[in-house]
Amino acid sequence: MSGAGDFWVRWRVRLGYPVAAIFLLLAHPSNASLILGGAIGAVGLFIRAAAAGHLRKHEELATSGPYSYTRNPLYLGSGVLAAGVVLAGGSWLVAPLVGAYFVLFYAAVIRREERELRSKYGGTFNDYAERVPLFFPRFRAGVDARWAFSWALYARNREYQALLGFVAGVALLWAKMQPLR
């Protein structure tokens, strides 16, 4: 793929840094917002971790565990995680910015990955896509509901980076709440 779609895929991380900086500047966290946002963010981390523990990138089509409810559980988890962080920040001014960033970039990434998976797995992917929703999950499995989570896959997919980033973000918000002495 080349052209405009590549821009969104290449720049999603690079442009995430200024969005994060703006978020931190506008954040007004409180104990309540940190607790509630942290809890919602933890749910997002759990969804991402469950997905990473089933994902064998570039080896096979993931259809088990969370992939039997949504074709994009990693991105769903990222969305829940982002919502938790925004809530933890206690600033509704930044919510539209983070929401627009997420929709804009992840829609492009999902479209690109769908094309790649369709190209690589053909009819197998098409059958899977017919039974499992793109993003918002069904509450019953569309395909293989086995939950054979693998810590080795979690580590190989470097999902611990999301955990470390979340902890660092919450720590920065907590530090912003502390009075200067």
N, C-alpha and C. Protein backbone atom coordinates (compact mmCIF):
# COMPACT_ATOMS: atom_id res chain seq x y z
N MET A 1 0.85 -1.17 0.00
CA MET A 1 0.00 0.00 0.00
C MET A 1 0.89 1.24 0.00
N SER A 2 0.48 2.22 -0.73
CA SER A 2 1.21 3.47 -0.72
C SER A 2 0.23 4.61 -0.80
N GLY A 3 0.74 5.79 -0.60
CA GLY A 3 -0.12 6.96 -0.70
C GLY A 3 -0.59 7.46 0.65
N ALA A 4 -1.80 8.03 0.65
CA ALA A 4 -2.34 8.68 1.86
C ALA A 4 -2.47 7.71 3.02
N GLY A 5 -2.86 6.47 2.76
CA GLY A 5 -3.02 5.49 3.83
C GLY A 5 -1.72 5.24 4.57
N ASP A 6 -0.61 5.23 3.83
CA ASP A 6 0.69 5.05 4.47
C ASP A 6 1.00 6.17 5.45
N PHE A 7 0.63 7.38 5.09
CA PHE A 7 0.87 8.52 5.98
C PHE A 7 0.30 8.25 7.36
N TRP A 8 -0.97 7.87 7.42
CA TRP A 8 -1.65 7.66 8.69
C TRP A 8 -1.00 6.54 9.49
N VAL A 9 -0.60 5.49 8.80
CA VAL A 9 0.03 4.35 9.49
C VAL A 9 1.41 4.75 10.02
N ARG A 10 2.20 5.42 9.18
CA ARG A 10 3.56 5.81 9.59
C ARG A 10 3.57 6.85 10.70
N TRP A 11 2.64 7.77 10.66
CA TRP A 11 2.68 8.91 11.56
C TRP A 11 1.87 8.74 12.83
N ARG A 12 1.19 7.62 13.02
CA ARG A 12 0.32 7.50 14.21
C ARG A 12 1.12 7.61 15.51
N VAL A 13 2.30 7.01 15.59
CA VAL A 13 3.09 7.08 16.82
C VAL A 13 3.74 8.46 16.93
N ARG A 14 4.31 8.95 15.84
CA ARG A 14 5.00 10.25 15.88
C ARG A 14 4.05 11.38 16.29
N LEU A 15 2.84 11.35 15.78
CA LEU A 15 1.88 12.40 16.12
C LEU A 15 1.21 12.14 17.46
N GLY A 16 1.37 10.94 17.98
CA GLY A 16 0.83 10.63 19.30
C GLY A 16 1.56 11.38 20.41
N TYR A 17 2.84 11.67 20.20
CA TYR A 17 3.60 12.38 21.23
C TYR A 17 3.08 13.79 21.47
N PRO A 18 2.85 14.60 20.43
CA PRO A 18 2.29 15.93 20.71
C PRO A 18 0.88 15.85 21.30
N VAL A 19 0.09 14.86 20.87
CA VAL A 19 -1.25 14.70 21.46
C VAL A 19 -1.10 14.41 22.95
N ALA A 20 -0.15 13.54 23.30
CA ALA A 20 0.08 13.21 24.72
C ALA A 20 0.55 14.45 25.49
N ALA A 21 1.41 15.26 24.87
CA ALA A 21 1.91 16.47 25.55
C ALA A 21 0.77 17.47 25.79
N ILE A 22 -0.09 17.65 24.78
CA ILE A 22 -1.24 18.55 24.94
C ILE A 22 -2.15 18.01 26.03
N PHE A 23 -2.38 16.70 26.01
CA PHE A 23 -3.22 16.08 27.03
C PHE A 23 -2.66 16.37 28.42
N LEU A 24 -1.36 16.15 28.60
CA LEU A 24 -0.75 16.35 29.91
C LEU A 24 -0.84 17.82 30.35
N LEU A 25 -0.66 18.74 29.42
CA LEU A 25 -0.77 20.16 29.76
C LEU A 25 -2.18 20.54 30.19
N LEU A 26 -3.19 19.97 29.54
CA LEU A 26 -4.58 20.31 29.84
C LEU A 26 -5.20 19.46 30.95
N ALA A 27 -4.48 18.45 31.39
CA ALA A 27 -5.03 17.53 32.39
C ALA A 27 -5.19 18.21 33.75
N HIS A 28 -6.28 17.87 34.40
CA HIS A 28 -6.56 18.33 35.77
C HIS A 28 -7.04 17.13 36.58
N PRO A 29 -6.13 16.19 36.85
CA PRO A 29 -6.56 14.97 37.53
C PRO A 29 -6.94 15.20 38.99
N SER A 30 -7.79 14.34 39.47
CA SER A 30 -8.17 14.32 40.88
C SER A 30 -8.04 12.88 41.35
N ASN A 31 -8.15 12.69 42.65
CA ASN A 31 -8.10 11.31 43.15
C ASN A 31 -9.20 10.47 42.51
N ALA A 32 -10.40 11.02 42.43
CA ALA A 32 -11.53 10.29 41.86
C ALA A 32 -11.31 9.98 40.38
N SER A 33 -10.82 10.97 39.61
CA SER A 33 -10.62 10.73 38.18
C SER A 33 -9.51 9.70 37.95
N LEU A 34 -8.45 9.76 38.78
CA LEU A 34 -7.37 8.77 38.64
C LEU A 34 -7.85 7.36 38.95
N ILE A 35 -8.66 7.22 39.98
CA ILE A 35 -9.16 5.89 40.36
C ILE A 35 -10.09 5.34 39.28
N LEU A 36 -11.07 6.14 38.88
CA LEU A 36 -12.03 5.68 37.87
C LEU A 36 -11.35 5.46 36.52
N GLY A 37 -10.58 6.44 36.08
CA GLY A 37 -9.87 6.31 34.81
C GLY A 37 -8.85 5.18 34.83
N GLY A 38 -8.17 5.02 35.96
CA GLY A 38 -7.21 3.92 36.09
C GLY A 38 -7.89 2.56 36.00
N ALA A 39 -9.08 2.44 36.59
CA ALA A 39 -9.81 1.17 36.53
C ALA A 39 -10.26 0.87 35.10
N ILE A 40 -10.77 1.89 34.40
CA ILE A 40 -11.18 1.68 33.00
C ILE A 40 -9.96 1.38 32.14
N GLY A 41 -8.88 2.09 32.36
CA GLY A 41 -7.64 1.82 31.62
C GLY A 41 -7.14 0.41 31.86
N ALA A 42 -7.28 -0.09 33.09
CA ALA A 42 -6.86 -1.45 33.40
C ALA A 42 -7.68 -2.48 32.62
N VAL A 43 -8.96 -2.19 32.40
CA VAL A 43 -9.79 -3.08 31.57
C VAL A 43 -9.24 -3.10 30.14
N GLY A 44 -8.88 -1.93 29.63
CA GLY A 44 -8.27 -1.86 28.31
C GLY A 44 -6.97 -2.64 28.23
N LEU A 45 -6.15 -2.53 29.28
CA LEU A 45 -4.91 -3.32 29.32
C LEU A 45 -5.19 -4.81 29.32
N PHE A 46 -6.22 -5.22 30.07
CA PHE A 46 -6.59 -6.64 30.12
C PHE A 46 -7.00 -7.12 28.73
N ILE A 47 -7.82 -6.34 28.03
CA ILE A 47 -8.26 -6.72 26.68
C ILE A 47 -7.04 -6.85 25.76
N ARG A 48 -6.14 -5.87 25.81
CA ARG A 48 -4.93 -5.92 24.98
C ARG A 48 -4.07 -7.13 25.33
N ALA A 49 -3.90 -7.39 26.63
CA ALA A 49 -3.07 -8.52 27.06
C ALA A 49 -3.66 -9.84 26.58
N ALA A 50 -4.98 -9.98 26.73
CA ALA A 50 -5.64 -11.21 26.27
C ALA A 50 -5.44 -11.40 24.77
N ALA A 51 -5.54 -10.32 24.01
CA ALA A 51 -5.34 -10.41 22.57
C ALA A 51 -3.90 -10.77 22.23
N ALA A 52 -2.95 -10.11 22.88
CA ALA A 52 -1.53 -10.37 22.60
C ALA A 52 -1.16 -11.81 22.93
N GLY A 53 -1.81 -12.39 23.92
CA GLY A 53 -1.54 -13.78 24.30
C GLY A 53 -2.12 -14.81 23.35
N HIS A 54 -2.81 -14.36 22.30
CA HIS A 54 -3.36 -15.25 21.27
C HIS A 54 -2.78 -14.96 19.88
N LEU A 55 -1.99 -13.91 19.76
CA LEU A 55 -1.57 -13.40 18.45
C LEU A 55 -0.20 -13.94 18.05
N ARG A 56 -0.19 -14.65 16.94
CA ARG A 56 1.05 -15.11 16.32
C ARG A 56 1.22 -14.31 15.03
N LYS A 57 1.75 -13.10 15.16
CA LYS A 57 1.87 -12.18 14.04
C LYS A 57 2.61 -12.81 12.87
N HIS A 58 2.06 -12.63 11.69
CA HIS A 58 2.67 -13.08 10.44
C HIS A 58 2.82 -14.59 10.34
N GLU A 59 2.23 -15.35 11.28
CA GLU A 59 2.34 -16.81 11.25
C GLU A 59 1.00 -17.48 10.97
N GLU A 60 -0.05 -16.99 11.64
CA GLU A 60 -1.38 -17.57 11.42
C GLU A 60 -2.44 -16.53 11.75
N LEU A 61 -3.63 -16.77 11.21
CA LEU A 61 -4.74 -15.87 11.47
C LEU A 61 -5.26 -16.11 12.88
N ALA A 62 -5.25 -15.08 13.70
CA ALA A 62 -5.74 -15.20 15.08
C ALA A 62 -7.27 -15.21 15.06
N THR A 63 -7.86 -16.28 15.60
CA THR A 63 -9.32 -16.39 15.65
C THR A 63 -9.80 -16.86 17.02
N SER A 64 -8.89 -17.14 17.92
CA SER A 64 -9.29 -17.68 19.23
C SER A 64 -9.33 -16.57 20.28
N GLY A 65 -9.88 -16.92 21.43
CA GLY A 65 -9.95 -15.98 22.55
C GLY A 65 -10.69 -14.73 22.15
N PRO A 66 -10.12 -13.55 22.43
CA PRO A 66 -10.81 -12.29 22.12
C PRO A 66 -11.02 -12.09 20.62
N TYR A 67 -10.21 -12.74 19.79
CA TYR A 67 -10.37 -12.64 18.33
C TYR A 67 -11.62 -13.37 17.84
N SER A 68 -12.27 -14.12 18.71
CA SER A 68 -13.53 -14.76 18.32
C SER A 68 -14.72 -13.84 18.58
N TYR A 69 -14.49 -12.70 19.22
CA TYR A 69 -15.55 -11.74 19.53
C TYR A 69 -15.43 -10.46 18.70
N THR A 70 -14.20 -10.09 18.36
CA THR A 70 -13.92 -8.92 17.53
C THR A 70 -12.63 -9.19 16.75
N ARG A 71 -12.58 -8.69 15.52
CA ARG A 71 -11.37 -8.90 14.72
C ARG A 71 -10.22 -7.99 15.17
N ASN A 72 -10.50 -7.02 16.00
CA ASN A 72 -9.48 -6.06 16.42
C ASN A 72 -9.47 -5.84 17.92
N PRO A 73 -9.25 -6.90 18.71
CA PRO A 73 -9.26 -6.71 20.16
C PRO A 73 -8.11 -5.84 20.68
N LEU A 74 -6.97 -5.84 20.00
CA LEU A 74 -5.89 -4.95 20.44
C LEU A 74 -6.32 -3.49 20.33
N TYR A 75 -6.95 -3.14 19.23
CA TYR A 75 -7.39 -1.75 19.04
C TYR A 75 -8.58 -1.42 19.93
N LEU A 76 -9.46 -2.38 20.14
CA LEU A 76 -10.56 -2.18 21.09
C LEU A 76 -9.97 -1.90 22.48
N GLY A 77 -8.99 -2.71 22.89
CA GLY A 77 -8.33 -2.49 24.18
C GLY A 77 -7.66 -1.13 24.24
N SER A 78 -7.04 -0.72 23.12
CA SER A 78 -6.41 0.60 23.07
C SER A 78 -7.45 1.71 23.25
N GLY A 79 -8.61 1.52 22.65
CA GLY A 79 -9.67 2.52 22.79
C GLY A 79 -10.17 2.63 24.22
N VAL A 80 -10.37 1.49 24.86
CA VAL A 80 -10.80 1.49 26.27
C VAL A 80 -9.70 2.09 27.14
N LEU A 81 -8.47 1.73 26.86
CA LEU A 81 -7.33 2.27 27.59
C LEU A 81 -7.25 3.79 27.42
N ALA A 82 -7.41 4.28 26.20
CA ALA A 82 -7.38 5.72 25.94
C ALA A 82 -8.52 6.43 26.67
N ALA A 83 -9.70 5.83 26.67
CA ALA A 83 -10.84 6.42 27.38
C ALA A 83 -10.52 6.52 28.88
N GLY A 84 -9.90 5.48 29.42
CA GLY A 84 -9.52 5.51 30.83
C GLY A 84 -8.51 6.59 31.13
N VAL A 85 -7.53 6.75 30.27
CA VAL A 85 -6.51 7.78 30.49
C VAL A 85 -7.12 9.17 30.40
N VAL A 86 -8.00 9.38 29.40
CA VAL A 86 -8.67 10.68 29.27
C VAL A 86 -9.48 10.97 30.53
N LEU A 87 -10.21 9.98 31.00
CA LEU A 87 -10.99 10.16 32.22
C LEU A 87 -10.08 10.44 33.41
N ALA A 88 -8.97 9.72 33.50
CA ALA A 88 -8.01 9.94 34.59
C ALA A 88 -7.46 11.36 34.56
N GLY A 89 -7.32 11.93 33.37
CA GLY A 89 -6.79 13.28 33.24
C GLY A 89 -7.75 14.37 33.69
N GLY A 90 -9.02 14.04 33.75
CA GLY A 90 -10.00 14.99 34.27
C GLY A 90 -10.22 16.24 33.44
N SER A 91 -9.90 16.21 32.16
CA SER A 91 -10.11 17.36 31.29
C SER A 91 -10.92 16.94 30.08
N TRP A 92 -12.14 17.47 30.00
CA TRP A 92 -13.00 17.14 28.86
C TRP A 92 -12.57 17.89 27.61
N LEU A 93 -11.71 18.90 27.75
CA LEU A 93 -11.23 19.63 26.57
C LEU A 93 -10.40 18.72 25.66
N VAL A 94 -9.69 17.79 26.25
CA VAL A 94 -8.79 16.96 25.47
C VAL A 94 -9.48 15.71 24.90
N ALA A 95 -10.63 15.36 25.42
CA ALA A 95 -11.33 14.16 24.96
C ALA A 95 -11.58 14.17 23.45
N PRO A 96 -12.07 15.28 22.86
CA PRO A 96 -12.27 15.27 21.40
C PRO A 96 -10.96 15.10 20.63
N LEU A 97 -9.88 15.67 21.14
CA LEU A 97 -8.58 15.54 20.48
C LEU A 97 -8.13 14.08 20.48
N VAL A 98 -8.19 13.45 21.62
CA VAL A 98 -7.78 12.04 21.73
C VAL A 98 -8.72 11.16 20.91
N GLY A 99 -10.01 11.45 20.98
CA GLY A 99 -10.98 10.68 20.20
C GLY A 99 -10.74 10.80 18.71
N ALA A 100 -10.49 12.01 18.24
CA ALA A 100 -10.22 12.22 16.81
C ALA A 100 -8.93 11.51 16.40
N TYR A 101 -7.91 11.61 17.22
CA TYR A 101 -6.65 10.92 16.94
C TYR A 101 -6.90 9.42 16.79
N PHE A 102 -7.62 8.86 17.75
CA PHE A 102 -7.86 7.42 17.73
C PHE A 102 -8.64 7.01 16.48
N VAL A 103 -9.73 7.68 16.21
CA VAL A 103 -10.57 7.33 15.06
C VAL A 103 -9.81 7.50 13.75
N LEU A 104 -9.13 8.61 13.60
CA LEU A 104 -8.42 8.90 12.36
C LEU A 104 -7.32 7.88 12.09
N PHE A 105 -6.46 7.66 13.07
CA PHE A 105 -5.32 6.80 12.83
C PHE A 105 -5.69 5.32 12.84
N TYR A 106 -6.48 4.90 13.80
CA TYR A 106 -6.78 3.48 13.88
C TYR A 106 -7.71 3.00 12.78
N ALA A 107 -8.57 3.86 12.26
CA ALA A 107 -9.40 3.47 11.12
C ALA A 107 -8.50 3.15 9.93
N ALA A 108 -7.48 3.97 9.70
CA ALA A 108 -6.55 3.73 8.59
C ALA A 108 -5.74 2.46 8.81
N VAL A 109 -5.28 2.26 10.02
CA VAL A 109 -4.48 1.07 10.34
C VAL A 109 -5.33 -0.20 10.18
N ILE A 110 -6.55 -0.16 10.67
CA ILE A 110 -7.44 -1.33 10.55
C ILE A 110 -7.72 -1.64 9.09
N ARG A 111 -8.00 -0.63 8.27
CA ARG A 111 -8.24 -0.87 6.84
C ARG A 111 -7.02 -1.51 6.18
N ARG A 112 -5.85 -1.00 6.49
CA ARG A 112 -4.63 -1.57 5.89
C ARG A 112 -4.44 -3.01 6.32
N GLU A 113 -4.59 -3.29 7.62
CA GLU A 113 -4.41 -4.66 8.10
C GLU A 113 -5.45 -5.60 7.51
N GLU A 114 -6.68 -5.13 7.34
CA GLU A 114 -7.72 -5.96 6.72
C GLU A 114 -7.29 -6.36 5.30
N ARG A 115 -6.77 -5.40 4.53
CA ARG A 115 -6.31 -5.71 3.17
C ARG A 115 -5.18 -6.73 3.20
N GLU A 116 -4.24 -6.55 4.13
CA GLU A 116 -3.11 -7.48 4.21
C GLU A 116 -3.58 -8.89 4.59
N LEU A 117 -4.47 -8.98 5.56
CA LEU A 117 -4.97 -10.29 6.00
C LEU A 117 -5.80 -10.96 4.90
N ARG A 118 -6.61 -10.18 4.20
CA ARG A 118 -7.41 -10.72 3.10
C ARG A 118 -6.48 -11.24 2.00
N SER A 119 -5.41 -10.51 1.72
CA SER A 119 -4.45 -10.92 0.70
C SER A 119 -3.71 -12.20 1.12
N LYS A 120 -3.34 -12.28 2.39
CA LYS A 120 -2.56 -13.42 2.87
C LYS A 120 -3.40 -14.67 3.10
N TYR A 121 -4.62 -14.50 3.66
CA TYR A 121 -5.41 -15.66 4.06
C TYR A 121 -6.64 -15.90 3.19
N GLY A 122 -6.93 -15.01 2.25
CA GLY A 122 -7.99 -15.19 1.28
C GLY A 122 -9.34 -15.56 1.87
N GLY A 123 -9.87 -16.69 1.40
CA GLY A 123 -11.20 -17.14 1.80
C GLY A 123 -11.31 -17.43 3.29
N THR A 124 -10.24 -17.88 3.90
CA THR A 124 -10.26 -18.13 5.34
C THR A 124 -10.55 -16.84 6.09
N PHE A 125 -9.87 -15.77 5.67
CA PHE A 125 -10.12 -14.48 6.32
C PHE A 125 -11.53 -13.99 6.01
N ASN A 126 -11.98 -14.13 4.76
CA ASN A 126 -13.33 -13.68 4.40
C ASN A 126 -14.39 -14.39 5.23
N ASP A 127 -14.24 -15.70 5.44
CA ASP A 127 -15.19 -16.45 6.28
C ASP A 127 -15.16 -15.92 7.72
N TYR A 128 -13.97 -15.71 8.22
CA TYR A 128 -13.80 -15.17 9.57
C TYR A 128 -14.46 -13.80 9.68
N ALA A 129 -14.20 -12.93 8.69
CA ALA A 129 -14.74 -11.57 8.71
C ALA A 129 -16.27 -11.56 8.65
N GLU A 130 -16.86 -12.55 8.01
CA GLU A 130 -18.32 -12.63 7.94
C GLU A 130 -18.94 -12.98 9.29
N ARG A 131 -18.20 -13.69 10.12
CA ARG A 131 -18.75 -14.16 11.40
C ARG A 131 -18.35 -13.33 12.60
N VAL A 132 -17.30 -12.53 12.47
CA VAL A 132 -16.79 -11.78 13.63
C VAL A 132 -16.76 -10.30 13.27
N PRO A 133 -17.34 -9.44 14.12
CA PRO A 133 -17.39 -8.01 13.81
C PRO A 133 -16.02 -7.36 13.78
N LEU A 134 -15.93 -6.28 13.02
CA LEU A 134 -14.68 -5.56 12.83
C LEU A 134 -14.11 -5.00 14.13
N PHE A 135 -14.94 -4.31 14.91
CA PHE A 135 -14.40 -3.61 16.08
C PHE A 135 -15.22 -3.86 17.34
N PHE A 136 -16.47 -3.45 17.34
CA PHE A 136 -17.29 -3.62 18.54
C PHE A 136 -17.67 -5.09 18.68
N PRO A 137 -17.35 -5.70 19.81
CA PRO A 137 -17.51 -7.15 19.94
C PRO A 137 -18.96 -7.59 20.09
N ARG A 138 -19.17 -8.82 19.67
CA ARG A 138 -20.42 -9.51 20.00
C ARG A 138 -20.18 -10.17 21.34
N PHE A 139 -21.25 -10.48 22.03
CA PHE A 139 -21.08 -11.12 23.32
C PHE A 139 -21.21 -12.63 23.25
N ARG A 140 -21.14 -13.14 22.03
CA ARG A 140 -21.01 -14.59 21.84
C ARG A 140 -19.95 -14.77 20.77
N ALA A 141 -19.20 -15.82 20.93
CA ALA A 141 -18.09 -16.05 20.01
C ALA A 141 -18.59 -16.30 18.59
N GLY A 142 -17.92 -15.68 17.63
CA GLY A 142 -18.26 -15.90 16.23
C GLY A 142 -17.54 -17.09 15.65
N VAL A 143 -16.43 -17.45 16.23
CA VAL A 143 -15.65 -18.61 15.77
C VAL A 143 -15.07 -19.33 16.97
N ASP A 144 -13.79 -19.49 17.02
CA ASP A 144 -13.07 -20.31 17.99
C ASP A 144 -12.96 -19.61 19.35
N ALA A 145 -13.75 -20.04 20.31
CA ALA A 145 -13.78 -19.37 21.62
C ALA A 145 -12.75 -19.91 22.61
N ARG A 146 -11.84 -20.77 22.16
CA ARG A 146 -10.80 -21.27 23.08
C ARG A 146 -10.00 -20.11 23.66
N TRP A 147 -9.66 -20.23 24.91
CA TRP A 147 -8.87 -19.19 25.58
C TRP A 147 -7.54 -19.76 26.04
N ALA A 148 -6.74 -20.22 25.12
CA ALA A 148 -5.43 -20.78 25.44
C ALA A 148 -4.40 -19.65 25.43
N PHE A 149 -4.47 -18.80 26.45
CA PHE A 149 -3.58 -17.65 26.57
C PHE A 149 -2.14 -18.11 26.73
N SER A 150 -1.22 -17.40 26.10
CA SER A 150 0.20 -17.73 26.18
C SER A 150 1.00 -16.51 26.67
N TRP A 151 1.65 -16.67 27.81
CA TRP A 151 2.52 -15.61 28.31
C TRP A 151 3.70 -15.39 27.37
N ALA A 152 4.14 -16.47 26.72
CA ALA A 152 5.25 -16.34 25.77
C ALA A 152 4.85 -15.43 24.61
N LEU A 153 3.62 -15.58 24.11
CA LEU A 153 3.15 -14.69 23.04
C LEU A 153 3.00 -13.25 23.56
N TYR A 154 2.49 -13.11 24.77
CA TYR A 154 2.37 -11.79 25.39
C TYR A 154 3.74 -11.10 25.38
N ALA A 155 4.77 -11.82 25.80
CA ALA A 155 6.12 -11.25 25.84
C ALA A 155 6.66 -11.02 24.44
N ARG A 156 6.47 -11.99 23.54
CA ARG A 156 6.99 -11.86 22.18
C ARG A 156 6.36 -10.67 21.46
N ASN A 157 5.09 -10.42 21.74
CA ASN A 157 4.40 -9.28 21.15
C ASN A 157 4.69 -7.97 21.88
N ARG A 158 5.53 -8.02 22.90
CA ARG A 158 5.97 -6.86 23.68
C ARG A 158 4.80 -6.06 24.26
N GLU A 159 3.78 -6.78 24.67
CA GLU A 159 2.60 -6.12 25.21
C GLU A 159 2.89 -5.46 26.54
N TYR A 160 3.94 -5.87 27.23
CA TYR A 160 4.33 -5.24 28.49
C TYR A 160 4.61 -3.75 28.29
N GLN A 161 4.92 -3.32 27.06
CA GLN A 161 5.16 -1.91 26.79
C GLN A 161 3.89 -1.08 27.03
N ALA A 162 2.73 -1.64 26.71
CA ALA A 162 1.47 -0.93 26.97
C ALA A 162 1.28 -0.76 28.48
N LEU A 163 1.59 -1.80 29.23
CA LEU A 163 1.48 -1.73 30.69
C LEU A 163 2.42 -0.66 31.25
N LEU A 164 3.67 -0.68 30.80
CA LEU A 164 4.65 0.31 31.28
C LEU A 164 4.23 1.73 30.90
N GLY A 165 3.73 1.92 29.69
CA GLY A 165 3.27 3.24 29.26
C GLY A 165 2.09 3.72 30.09
N PHE A 166 1.16 2.81 30.39
CA PHE A 166 0.00 3.17 31.19
C PHE A 166 0.43 3.57 32.60
N VAL A 167 1.31 2.79 33.21
CA VAL A 167 1.79 3.10 34.55
C VAL A 167 2.52 4.45 34.55
N ALA A 168 3.33 4.69 33.54
CA ALA A 168 4.04 5.98 33.45
C ALA A 168 3.05 7.13 33.29
N GLY A 169 2.03 6.94 32.47
CA GLY A 169 1.03 7.99 32.27
C GLY A 169 0.27 8.30 33.54
N VAL A 170 -0.16 7.27 34.25
CA VAL A 170 -0.88 7.48 35.51
C VAL A 170 0.04 8.14 36.53
N ALA A 171 1.31 7.73 36.54
CA ALA A 171 2.27 8.35 37.48
C ALA A 171 2.45 9.83 37.16
N LEU A 172 2.52 10.20 35.88
CA LEU A 172 2.64 11.61 35.52
C LEU A 172 1.39 12.39 35.95
N LEU A 173 0.22 11.80 35.75
CA LEU A 173 -1.01 12.46 36.18
C LEU A 173 -1.04 12.62 37.70
N TRP A 174 -0.62 11.59 38.40
CA TRP A 174 -0.57 11.65 39.86
C TRP A 174 0.40 12.76 40.29
N ALA A 175 1.57 12.80 39.66
CA ALA A 175 2.56 13.82 40.01
C ALA A 175 2.02 15.23 39.73
N LYS A 176 1.24 15.37 38.67
CA LYS A 176 0.67 16.68 38.35
C LYS A 176 -0.32 17.13 39.44
N MET A 177 -0.92 16.19 40.12
CA MET A 177 -1.87 16.52 41.20
C MET A 177 -1.16 17.02 42.46
N GLN A 178 0.09 16.65 42.62
CA GLN A 178 0.80 16.95 43.87
C GLN A 178 1.13 18.43 43.94
N PRO A 179 0.92 19.03 45.10
CA PRO A 179 1.24 20.46 45.24
C PRO A 179 2.75 20.69 45.19
N LEU A 180 3.12 21.83 44.61
CA LEU A 180 4.54 22.21 44.59
C LEU A 180 4.94 22.68 45.99
N ARG A 181 6.09 22.30 46.42
CA ARG A 181 6.56 22.69 47.77
C ARG A 181 7.74 23.61 47.68
